[in-house]
């Protein structure tokens, strides 16, 4: 009777998905918005980067930036004054997976609102 033993090694890689960022706050200036957030409560250890997206709600123009997982703030610059923007932040893992973004709206400061 012959016996054959086969050994196999399987590498299973599991990437935990971080939950949403916490406490998103938007602080508008005349031509910028300071964006601040806290790390996700669940699976924050697996965050490799944050994706920040902004949209000019009237014109539809938009942009995106990716920042390091070491960051918890970013200043969006060169924006139109007196304009409403929708800003989203999402935490992303190594496999580029994330939960839904946290979104807020704000209006850049009204340097154009003055009376002569």
C-alpha atoms as a PDB file:
ATOM      1  CA  UNK A   1       0.000   0.000   0.000  1.00  0.00           C
ATOM      2  CA  UNK A   2       1.429   3.347  -1.037  1.00  0.00           C
ATOM      3  CA  UNK A   3       0.666   6.572   0.747  1.00  0.00           C
ATOM      4  CA  UNK A   4       1.085   9.998  -0.804  1.00  0.00           C
ATOM      5  CA  UNK A   5       1.294  13.092   1.345  1.00  0.00           C
ATOM      6  CA  UNK A   6       0.790  16.432  -0.300  1.00  0.00           C
ATOM      7  CA  UNK A   7       1.375  19.576   1.631  1.00  0.00           C
ATOM      8  CA  UNK A   8       0.093  22.858   0.425  1.00  0.00           C
ATOM      9  CA  UNK A   9       0.642  26.305   1.762  1.00  0.00           C
ATOM     10  CA  UNK A  10      -1.999  28.894   1.096  1.00  0.00           C
ATOM     11  CA  UNK A  11      -1.491  32.565   1.696  1.00  0.00           C
ATOM     12  CA  UNK A  12      -4.779  34.204   2.400  1.00  0.00           C
ATOM     13  CA  UNK A  13      -4.623  37.958   2.503  1.00  0.00           C
ATOM     14  CA  UNK A  14      -7.476  39.809   4.132  1.00  0.00           C
ATOM     15  CA  UNK A  15      -7.663  43.561   3.971  1.00  0.00           C
ATOM     16  CA  UNK A  16      -9.880  44.990   6.664  1.00  0.00           C
ATOM     17  CA  UNK A  17     -11.988  47.902   5.448  1.00  0.00           C
ATOM     18  CA  UNK A  18     -11.838  51.021   7.622  1.00  0.00           C
ATOM     19  CA  UNK A  19     -15.061  52.596   8.778  1.00  0.00           C
ATOM     20  CA  UNK A  20     -15.957  56.198   7.953  1.00  0.00           C
ATOM     21  CA  UNK A  21     -13.857  59.089   9.199  1.00  0.00           C
ATOM     22  CA  UNK A  22     -15.175  60.786  12.311  1.00  0.00           C
ATOM     23  CA  UNK A  23     -15.989  64.415  13.125  1.00  0.00           C
ATOM     24  CA  UNK A  24     -15.569  65.960   9.668  1.00  0.00           C
ATOM     25  CA  UNK A  25     -15.359  69.742   9.952  1.00  0.00           C
ATOM     26  CA  UNK A  26     -15.067  72.371   7.235  1.00  0.00           C
ATOM     27  CA  UNK A  27     -13.683  75.839   7.979  1.00  0.00           C
ATOM     28  CA  UNK A  28     -14.107  78.185   5.010  1.00  0.00           C
ATOM     29  CA  UNK A  29     -11.837  81.074   4.124  1.00  0.00           C
ATOM     30  CA  UNK A  30     -12.261  83.486   1.235  1.00  0.00           C
ATOM     31  CA  UNK A  31     -10.569  81.202  -1.314  1.00  0.00           C
ATOM     32  CA  UNK A  32      -9.953  78.025   0.679  1.00  0.00           C
ATOM     33  CA  UNK A  33     -11.547  75.446   2.951  1.00  0.00           C
ATOM     34  CA  UNK A  34      -9.700  73.826   5.848  1.00  0.00           C
ATOM     35  CA  UNK A  35     -10.860  70.213   6.118  1.00  0.00           C
ATOM     36  CA  UNK A  36     -10.354  68.350   9.414  1.00  0.00           C
ATOM     37  CA  UNK A  37     -11.343  64.838  10.471  1.00  0.00           C
ATOM     38  CA  UNK A  38     -10.533  62.107  12.963  1.00  0.00           C
ATOM     39  CA  UNK A  39      -9.479  58.559  12.159  1.00  0.00           C
ATOM     40  CA  UNK A  40     -12.196  55.937  11.755  1.00  0.00           C
ATOM     41  CA  UNK A  41     -13.213  54.178  14.948  1.00  0.00           C
ATOM     42  CA  UNK A  42     -13.206  50.708  13.368  1.00  0.00           C
ATOM     43  CA  UNK A  43     -10.150  49.318  11.574  1.00  0.00           C
ATOM     44  CA  UNK A  44      -8.204  52.568  11.718  1.00  0.00           C
ATOM     45  CA  UNK A  45      -4.991  50.520  11.725  1.00  0.00           C
ATOM     46  CA  UNK A  46      -5.569  49.548   8.085  1.00  0.00           C
ATOM     47  CA  UNK A  47      -5.939  53.092   6.694  1.00  0.00           C
ATOM     48  CA  UNK A  48      -3.204  53.742   4.134  1.00  0.00           C
ATOM     49  CA  UNK A  49      -4.545  57.047   2.783  1.00  0.00           C
ATOM     50  CA  UNK A  50      -7.425  59.494   2.806  1.00  0.00           C
ATOM     51  CA  UNK A  51      -9.161  60.606  -0.362  1.00  0.00           C
ATOM     52  CA  UNK A  52     -10.540  64.153  -0.314  1.00  0.00           C
ATOM     53  CA  UNK A  53     -12.958  65.182  -3.048  1.00  0.00           C
ATOM     54  CA  UNK A  54     -14.553  68.595  -3.558  1.00  0.00           C
ATOM     55  CA  UNK A  55     -17.264  69.829  -5.874  1.00  0.00           C
ATOM     56  CA  UNK A  56     -18.296  73.383  -6.741  1.00  0.00           C
ATOM     57  CA  UNK A  57     -22.053  72.871  -6.452  1.00  0.00           C
ATOM     58  CA  UNK A  58     -22.984  75.576  -8.983  1.00  0.00           C
ATOM     59  CA  UNK A  59     -20.448  75.015 -11.775  1.00  0.00           C
ATOM     60  CA  UNK A  60     -19.937  71.298 -11.236  1.00  0.00           C
ATOM     61  CA  UNK A  61     -16.151  71.618 -11.336  1.00  0.00           C
ATOM     62  CA  UNK A  62     -14.426  69.184  -9.010  1.00  0.00           C
ATOM     63  CA  UNK A  63     -11.063  67.921  -7.885  1.00  0.00           C
ATOM     64  CA  UNK A  64      -9.529  65.217  -5.743  1.00  0.00           C
ATOM     65  CA  UNK A  65      -6.407  64.800  -3.614  1.00  0.00           C
ATOM     66  CA  UNK A  66      -4.975  61.799  -1.789  1.00  0.00           C
ATOM     67  CA  UNK A  67      -3.154  62.367   1.508  1.00  0.00           C
ATOM     68  CA  UNK A  68      -1.196  60.069   3.784  1.00  0.00           C
ATOM     69  CA  UNK A  69      -2.786  58.105   6.603  1.00  0.00           C
ATOM     70  CA  UNK A  70      -0.658  60.235   8.970  1.00  0.00           C
ATOM     71  CA  UNK A  71      -2.705  63.314   8.072  1.00  0.00           C
ATOM     72  CA  UNK A  72      -6.002  64.413   9.608  1.00  0.00           C
ATOM     73  CA  UNK A  73      -6.379  67.761   7.870  1.00  0.00           C
ATOM     74  CA  UNK A  74      -5.930  69.406   4.505  1.00  0.00           C
ATOM     75  CA  UNK A  75      -6.469  72.918   3.137  1.00  0.00           C
ATOM     76  CA  UNK A  76      -8.180  73.091  -0.251  1.00  0.00           C
ATOM     77  CA  UNK A  77      -6.844  76.207  -1.985  1.00  0.00           C
ATOM     78  CA  UNK A  78      -7.602  78.345  -5.050  1.00  0.00           C
ATOM     79  CA  UNK A  79     -11.379  78.169  -4.666  1.00  0.00           C
ATOM     80  CA  UNK A  80     -13.935  80.710  -5.828  1.00  0.00           C
ATOM     81  CA  UNK A  81     -15.091  83.218  -3.227  1.00  0.00           C
ATOM     82  CA  UNK A  82     -18.762  83.230  -2.245  1.00  0.00           C
ATOM     83  CA  UNK A  83     -19.297  79.730  -3.639  1.00  0.00           C
ATOM     84  CA  UNK A  84     -20.806  76.602  -2.140  1.00  0.00           C
ATOM     85  CA  UNK A  85     -18.645  73.472  -2.095  1.00  0.00           C
ATOM     86  CA  UNK A  86     -19.409  69.885  -1.208  1.00  0.00           C
ATOM     87  CA  UNK A  87     -16.412  68.183   0.409  1.00  0.00           C
ATOM     88  CA  UNK A  88     -16.030  64.441   1.014  1.00  0.00           C
ATOM     89  CA  UNK A  89     -13.390  62.450   2.881  1.00  0.00           C
ATOM     90  CA  UNK A  90     -13.004  58.684   2.858  1.00  0.00           C
ATOM     91  CA  UNK A  91     -10.478  56.393   4.504  1.00  0.00           C
ATOM     92  CA  UNK A  92      -8.925  53.821   2.166  1.00  0.00           C
ATOM     93  CA  UNK A  93      -7.026  50.591   2.863  1.00  0.00           C
ATOM     94  CA  UNK A  94      -4.131  49.006   0.935  1.00  0.00           C
ATOM     95  CA  UNK A  95      -6.528  47.332  -1.530  1.00  0.00           C
ATOM     96  CA  UNK A  96      -8.144  50.735  -2.279  1.00  0.00           C
ATOM     97  CA  UNK A  97     -11.311  49.674  -0.466  1.00  0.00           C
ATOM     98  CA  UNK A  98     -13.357  51.968   1.725  1.00  0.00           C
ATOM     99  CA  UNK A  99     -16.747  52.529   3.216  1.00  0.00           C
ATOM    100  CA  UNK A 100     -18.854  55.481   2.136  1.00  0.00           C
ATOM    101  CA  UNK A 101     -17.311  58.925   2.318  1.00  0.00           C
ATOM    102  CA  UNK A 102     -18.361  61.470   4.907  1.00  0.00           C
ATOM    103  CA  UNK A 103     -19.620  64.602   3.156  1.00  0.00           C
ATOM    104  CA  UNK A 104     -20.318  68.170   4.194  1.00  0.00           C
ATOM    105  CA  UNK A 105     -21.202  71.440   2.476  1.00  0.00           C
ATOM    106  CA  UNK A 106     -19.924  74.913   3.123  1.00  0.00           C
ATOM    107  CA  UNK A 107     -19.687  78.286   1.414  1.00  0.00           C
ATOM    108  CA  UNK A 108     -16.387  80.111   1.050  1.00  0.00           C
ATOM    109  CA  UNK A 109     -16.316  83.409   2.895  1.00  0.00           C
ATOM    110  CA  UNK A 110     -18.214  86.264   1.346  1.00  0.00           C
ATOM    111  CA  UNK A 111     -15.462  88.742   0.566  1.00  0.00           C
ATOM    112  CA  UNK A 112     -17.806  89.878  -2.181  1.00  0.00           C
ATOM    113  CA  UNK A 113     -20.534  90.843   0.309  1.00  0.00           C
ATOM    114  CA  UNK A 114     -19.681  94.429   1.098  1.00  0.00           C
ATOM    115  CA  UNK A 115     -21.591  97.663   1.050  1.00  0.00           C
ATOM    116  CA  UNK A 116     -20.235 100.823  -0.505  1.00  0.00           C
END
